[in-house]
N, C-alpha and C. Protein backbone atom coordinates (compact mmCIF):
# COMPACT_ATOMS: atom_id res chain seq x y z
N MET A 1 -10.28 -22.79 -7.26
CA MET A 1 -11.49 -22.94 -7.68
C MET A 1 -11.78 -22.46 -9.27
N ASN A 2 -11.98 -23.20 -9.92
CA ASN A 2 -12.29 -22.95 -11.57
C ASN A 2 -13.79 -22.69 -11.77
N VAL A 3 -14.04 -21.72 -12.09
CA VAL A 3 -15.43 -21.14 -12.38
C VAL A 3 -15.72 -20.86 -13.94
N PRO A 4 -16.23 -21.61 -14.72
CA PRO A 4 -16.51 -21.29 -16.15
C PRO A 4 -16.92 -19.76 -16.23
N ILE A 5 -16.20 -19.28 -17.24
CA ILE A 5 -16.47 -18.03 -17.68
C ILE A 5 -16.84 -17.71 -19.01
N ASN A 6 -17.88 -17.05 -19.43
CA ASN A 6 -18.25 -16.88 -20.94
C ASN A 6 -17.58 -15.52 -21.32
N VAL A 7 -16.51 -16.00 -22.07
CA VAL A 7 -15.74 -14.85 -22.72
C VAL A 7 -15.78 -14.47 -24.01
N GLN A 8 -15.99 -13.35 -24.42
CA GLN A 8 -16.15 -13.02 -25.81
C GLN A 8 -14.80 -12.20 -26.00
N ILE A 9 -14.22 -12.64 -27.17
CA ILE A 9 -12.95 -11.91 -27.61
C ILE A 9 -13.34 -10.97 -28.89
N LEU A 10 -12.68 -9.88 -28.82
CA LEU A 10 -12.84 -8.73 -29.72
C LEU A 10 -11.72 -8.55 -30.57
N LYS A 11 -11.66 -8.52 -31.72
CA LYS A 11 -10.32 -8.50 -32.51
C LYS A 11 -10.19 -7.00 -33.23
N ASP A 12 -8.77 -6.82 -33.59
CA ASP A 12 -8.47 -5.44 -34.01
C ASP A 12 -8.84 -5.44 -35.31
N ALA A 13 -8.40 -4.46 -35.96
CA ALA A 13 -8.59 -4.23 -37.46
C ALA A 13 -7.75 -5.36 -38.20
N GLU A 14 -6.74 -5.97 -37.75
CA GLU A 14 -5.81 -7.04 -38.37
C GLU A 14 -6.41 -8.21 -38.09
N GLY A 15 -7.43 -8.18 -37.41
CA GLY A 15 -7.99 -9.70 -37.08
C GLY A 15 -7.36 -10.41 -35.89
N LYS A 16 -6.72 -9.48 -35.06
CA LYS A 16 -5.81 -10.42 -34.06
C LYS A 16 -6.47 -10.16 -32.62
N PRO A 17 -6.75 -10.96 -31.63
CA PRO A 17 -7.51 -10.73 -30.32
C PRO A 17 -6.69 -9.43 -29.71
N ALA A 18 -7.48 -8.70 -29.28
CA ALA A 18 -7.37 -7.34 -28.67
C ALA A 18 -7.99 -7.10 -27.07
N PHE A 19 -9.07 -7.56 -27.21
CA PHE A 19 -9.91 -7.53 -25.80
C PHE A 19 -10.48 -8.79 -25.67
N ALA A 20 -10.55 -9.19 -24.17
CA ALA A 20 -11.48 -10.17 -23.75
C ALA A 20 -12.51 -9.90 -22.98
N VAL A 21 -13.63 -9.73 -23.07
CA VAL A 21 -15.00 -9.36 -22.48
C VAL A 21 -15.80 -10.45 -21.77
N ILE A 22 -16.07 -10.25 -20.55
CA ILE A 22 -16.61 -11.09 -19.70
C ILE A 22 -18.07 -10.49 -19.22
N PRO A 23 -19.07 -11.32 -18.93
CA PRO A 23 -20.20 -10.51 -18.35
C PRO A 23 -19.52 -10.14 -16.73
N TYR A 24 -20.23 -8.98 -16.54
CA TYR A 24 -20.11 -8.49 -15.39
C TYR A 24 -20.21 -9.31 -14.09
N SER A 25 -21.21 -9.98 -14.14
CA SER A 25 -21.48 -11.11 -12.71
C SER A 25 -20.19 -12.15 -12.71
N ASP A 26 -19.83 -12.43 -13.82
CA ASP A 26 -18.51 -13.30 -13.85
C ASP A 26 -17.25 -12.62 -13.36
N TYR A 27 -17.24 -11.60 -13.86
CA TYR A 27 -15.96 -10.38 -13.22
C TYR A 27 -16.13 -10.56 -11.82
N LEU A 28 -17.43 -10.06 -11.29
CA LEU A 28 -17.72 -10.36 -9.73
C LEU A 28 -17.41 -11.38 -8.90
N ARG A 29 -17.36 -12.55 -9.67
CA ARG A 29 -16.81 -13.69 -9.13
C ARG A 29 -15.48 -13.89 -9.20
N LEU A 30 -14.49 -13.27 -10.02
CA LEU A 30 -13.19 -13.37 -9.95
C LEU A 30 -12.65 -13.10 -8.54
N PRO A 31 -11.38 -13.93 -8.37
CA PRO A 31 -10.57 -13.53 -6.92
C PRO A 31 -10.05 -11.92 -7.24
N GLN A 32 -10.43 -11.26 -6.41
CA GLN A 32 -9.88 -9.87 -6.43
C GLN A 32 -8.66 -9.78 -5.72
N ARG A 33 -7.44 -9.44 -6.46
CA ARG A 33 -6.18 -9.16 -5.72
C ARG A 33 -5.74 -7.70 -5.60
N ARG A 34 -5.53 -7.01 -4.85
CA ARG A 34 -5.37 -5.62 -4.72
C ARG A 34 -4.00 -5.52 -4.26
N GLU A 35 -3.09 -4.89 -4.75
CA GLU A 35 -1.69 -4.74 -4.53
C GLU A 35 -1.81 -3.49 -3.46
N PRO A 36 -1.24 -3.61 -2.49
CA PRO A 36 -1.16 -2.42 -1.41
C PRO A 36 -0.51 -1.05 -2.55
N THR A 37 -1.27 0.19 -2.15
CA THR A 37 -0.93 1.48 -2.59
C THR A 37 -0.66 2.18 -1.91
N VAL A 38 0.32 3.31 -2.29
CA VAL A 38 0.47 4.39 -1.64
C VAL A 38 -0.09 5.81 -2.11
N PRO A 39 -0.89 6.58 -1.16
CA PRO A 39 -1.23 7.92 -1.53
C PRO A 39 -0.25 9.07 -1.92
N ASN A 40 -0.99 9.75 -3.24
CA ASN A 40 0.00 10.60 -3.46
C ASN A 40 0.55 11.84 -2.46
N ASP A 41 -0.32 12.01 -1.59
CA ASP A 41 0.17 12.75 -0.47
C ASP A 41 1.46 12.43 0.35
N VAL A 42 1.44 10.89 0.44
CA VAL A 42 2.46 10.40 1.10
C VAL A 42 3.87 10.47 0.15
N VAL A 43 3.63 9.97 -0.98
CA VAL A 43 4.54 10.22 -2.13
C VAL A 43 5.29 11.61 -1.89
N GLY A 44 4.42 12.47 -2.19
CA GLY A 44 4.82 14.06 -2.11
C GLY A 44 5.68 14.43 -1.19
N LYS A 45 5.10 13.86 0.10
CA LYS A 45 5.76 14.40 1.23
C LYS A 45 7.43 13.72 1.17
N VAL A 46 7.42 12.47 0.72
CA VAL A 46 8.76 11.58 0.84
C VAL A 46 9.56 12.15 -0.25
N VAL A 47 8.84 12.97 -1.77
CA VAL A 47 9.71 13.39 -2.64
C VAL A 47 10.04 14.95 -2.25
N ASN A 48 8.78 15.61 -2.16
CA ASN A 48 9.30 17.08 -2.07
C ASN A 48 9.75 17.63 -0.73
N ASP A 49 9.13 16.91 0.26
CA ASP A 49 9.73 17.29 1.52
C ASP A 49 10.58 16.61 2.24
N GLU A 50 11.20 15.63 1.40
CA GLU A 50 12.38 14.82 1.91
C GLU A 50 12.18 14.10 3.37
N MET A 51 10.84 13.63 3.48
CA MET A 51 10.32 12.99 4.60
C MET A 51 10.71 11.61 4.49
N THR A 52 11.16 10.91 5.65
CA THR A 52 10.79 9.20 5.65
C THR A 52 9.64 8.73 5.29
N PRO A 53 9.45 7.89 4.79
CA PRO A 53 8.18 7.05 4.55
C PRO A 53 7.34 7.02 5.74
N VAL A 54 7.91 6.65 6.98
CA VAL A 54 7.29 6.47 8.15
C VAL A 54 6.50 7.64 8.63
N ARG A 55 7.52 8.84 8.31
CA ARG A 55 6.94 9.99 8.93
C ARG A 55 5.75 10.48 7.97
N ALA A 56 5.96 10.33 6.92
CA ALA A 56 5.02 10.59 5.85
C ALA A 56 3.71 10.04 6.04
N TRP A 57 3.73 8.69 6.30
CA TRP A 57 2.59 7.86 6.50
C TRP A 57 1.93 8.61 7.87
N ARG A 58 2.86 8.48 8.96
CA ARG A 58 2.08 9.13 10.11
C ARG A 58 1.56 10.41 9.99
N GLU A 59 2.09 11.46 9.37
CA GLU A 59 1.54 12.78 9.19
C GLU A 59 0.11 12.54 8.24
N HIS A 60 0.30 11.71 7.19
CA HIS A 60 -0.77 11.39 6.21
C HIS A 60 -2.38 11.04 7.10
N LEU A 61 -1.74 10.00 8.06
CA LEU A 61 -3.01 9.40 8.90
C LEU A 61 -3.29 10.33 10.17
N GLY A 62 -2.62 11.56 10.14
CA GLY A 62 -2.99 12.52 11.13
C GLY A 62 -2.66 12.11 12.55
N LEU A 63 -1.71 11.08 12.68
CA LEU A 63 -1.16 10.85 14.07
C LEU A 63 -0.15 11.51 14.72
N THR A 64 0.29 11.66 15.84
CA THR A 64 1.23 12.14 16.34
C THR A 64 2.18 11.14 16.54
N GLN A 65 3.37 11.50 17.11
CA GLN A 65 4.64 10.62 17.41
C GLN A 65 4.14 9.72 18.63
N ALA A 66 3.65 10.42 19.42
CA ALA A 66 3.28 9.66 20.74
C ALA A 66 2.23 8.86 20.61
N ASP A 67 1.24 8.96 19.62
CA ASP A 67 -0.05 8.00 19.28
C ASP A 67 0.71 6.60 18.81
N VAL A 68 1.62 7.05 17.82
CA VAL A 68 2.32 5.50 17.38
C VAL A 68 3.25 4.74 18.12
N ALA A 69 3.95 5.57 19.05
CA ALA A 69 4.60 4.87 20.09
C ALA A 69 4.09 4.32 20.99
N GLN A 70 2.69 4.80 21.23
CA GLN A 70 1.83 4.09 22.31
C GLN A 70 1.05 2.87 21.64
N ARG A 71 1.17 3.03 20.43
CA ARG A 71 0.54 1.52 19.64
C ARG A 71 1.75 0.48 19.71
N LEU A 72 2.76 1.06 19.75
CA LEU A 72 4.19 0.10 19.54
C LEU A 72 4.73 -0.26 20.96
N GLY A 73 4.13 0.32 21.84
CA GLY A 73 4.49 0.10 23.25
C GLY A 73 5.79 0.72 23.78
N ILE A 74 6.33 1.69 22.96
CA ILE A 74 7.60 2.30 23.49
C ILE A 74 7.51 3.65 23.56
N SER A 75 8.56 4.53 23.74
CA SER A 75 8.64 5.67 24.24
C SER A 75 8.49 6.72 23.04
N GLN A 76 7.73 7.86 23.13
CA GLN A 76 8.05 8.92 22.03
C GLN A 76 9.46 8.96 21.33
N SER A 77 10.40 9.10 22.25
CA SER A 77 11.74 9.41 21.63
C SER A 77 12.13 8.43 21.00
N ALA A 78 11.91 6.95 21.64
CA ALA A 78 12.42 5.64 20.83
C ALA A 78 11.78 5.69 19.47
N TYR A 79 10.46 6.08 19.42
CA TYR A 79 9.93 5.95 17.99
C TYR A 79 10.30 7.13 17.12
N ALA A 80 10.67 8.26 17.65
CA ALA A 80 10.89 9.43 16.79
C ALA A 80 12.54 9.18 16.30
N GLN A 81 13.51 8.24 16.98
CA GLN A 81 14.54 7.75 16.23
C GLN A 81 14.32 6.70 15.20
N GLN A 82 13.41 6.00 15.21
CA GLN A 82 13.02 4.89 14.17
C GLN A 82 12.33 5.53 13.24
N GLU A 83 11.72 6.78 13.24
CA GLU A 83 10.87 7.60 12.19
C GLU A 83 12.04 8.23 11.25
N ALA A 84 13.05 8.68 12.17
CA ALA A 84 14.16 9.64 11.38
C ALA A 84 14.91 8.70 10.70
N LYS A 85 15.05 7.65 10.56
CA LYS A 85 16.10 6.42 9.78
C LYS A 85 15.63 6.56 8.50
N GLU A 86 16.64 7.02 7.62
CA GLU A 86 16.16 6.28 6.23
C GLU A 86 15.87 5.13 5.93
N SER A 87 16.09 4.08 6.54
CA SER A 87 16.00 2.73 6.32
C SER A 87 15.85 2.06 7.61
N VAL A 88 14.66 1.42 7.95
CA VAL A 88 14.52 0.59 9.28
C VAL A 88 14.63 -0.93 8.92
N ARG A 89 14.63 -1.78 9.91
CA ARG A 89 15.03 -3.08 9.95
C ARG A 89 13.79 -3.82 9.53
N LYS A 90 13.77 -4.88 8.96
CA LYS A 90 12.44 -5.43 7.99
C LYS A 90 11.46 -5.65 9.55
N SER A 91 11.95 -6.37 10.71
CA SER A 91 10.99 -6.43 11.74
C SER A 91 10.53 -5.35 12.12
N THR A 92 11.26 -4.26 12.46
CA THR A 92 10.87 -3.10 12.95
C THR A 92 9.96 -2.29 11.67
N ARG A 93 9.95 -2.29 10.68
CA ARG A 93 9.20 -1.88 9.38
C ARG A 93 7.75 -2.50 9.85
N GLU A 94 7.94 -3.96 9.87
CA GLU A 94 6.69 -4.47 9.98
C GLU A 94 5.72 -4.15 11.36
N LYS A 95 6.50 -3.96 12.53
CA LYS A 95 5.80 -3.57 13.52
C LYS A 95 5.15 -2.07 13.13
N ILE A 96 5.91 -1.42 12.93
CA ILE A 96 5.28 0.08 12.57
C ILE A 96 4.33 0.27 11.61
N ALA A 97 4.29 -0.61 10.30
CA ALA A 97 3.37 -0.88 9.63
C ALA A 97 1.73 -1.18 10.31
N ARG A 98 2.07 -2.30 11.11
CA ARG A 98 0.81 -2.67 11.99
C ARG A 98 0.18 -1.55 12.72
N ALA A 99 1.42 -0.86 13.52
CA ALA A 99 0.58 0.63 13.96
C ALA A 99 0.00 1.26 13.34
N LEU A 100 0.39 1.43 12.14
CA LEU A 100 -0.26 2.55 11.30
C LEU A 100 -1.31 1.96 10.63
N GLY A 101 -1.53 0.85 10.62
CA GLY A 101 -2.65 0.15 9.98
C GLY A 101 -2.41 0.26 8.38
N ILE A 102 -1.27 -0.14 8.08
CA ILE A 102 -0.89 -0.26 6.60
C ILE A 102 0.01 -1.60 6.62
N GLU A 103 0.33 -2.03 4.92
CA GLU A 103 1.01 -3.09 4.88
C GLU A 103 2.49 -2.70 4.90
N PRO A 104 3.45 -3.62 5.33
CA PRO A 104 4.75 -3.28 5.37
C PRO A 104 5.54 -2.56 3.96
N GLU A 105 4.65 -3.38 2.89
CA GLU A 105 5.40 -2.94 1.45
C GLU A 105 5.06 -1.32 1.20
N GLN A 106 4.14 -0.85 1.94
CA GLN A 106 3.78 0.45 1.71
C GLN A 106 4.49 1.33 2.17
N LEU A 107 5.64 1.05 3.09
CA LEU A 107 6.95 1.96 3.45
C LEU A 107 7.85 1.75 2.81
N GLU A 108 7.76 0.93 1.85
CA GLU A 108 9.03 0.76 1.04
C GLU A 108 8.97 1.77 -0.24
N ILE A 109 9.26 3.09 -0.20
CA ILE A 109 9.12 3.92 -1.22
C ILE A 109 10.33 4.35 -1.98
């Protein structure tokens, strides 16, 4: 959908376009695409504490291994094995992400 937008171009000292300014109401009508982000706490656990991304996310969300295993419909020990792996299969990563309520891309740290 193309929506006409009232754009004002601000130029730099050399007369070259530097900024495009639009009315706030027009900005609100623009499609908003937000990339999945990873909280600093999760990154810190992966980098500083050498946790796997799956474990770091689980701890960040305040869940136990049993909680996540139940959501996945597997045993806690089966989940613990997946959580300990540095790299999990794409299909497994997608299932775990769904169980954690995050996007699979957020596990790719």
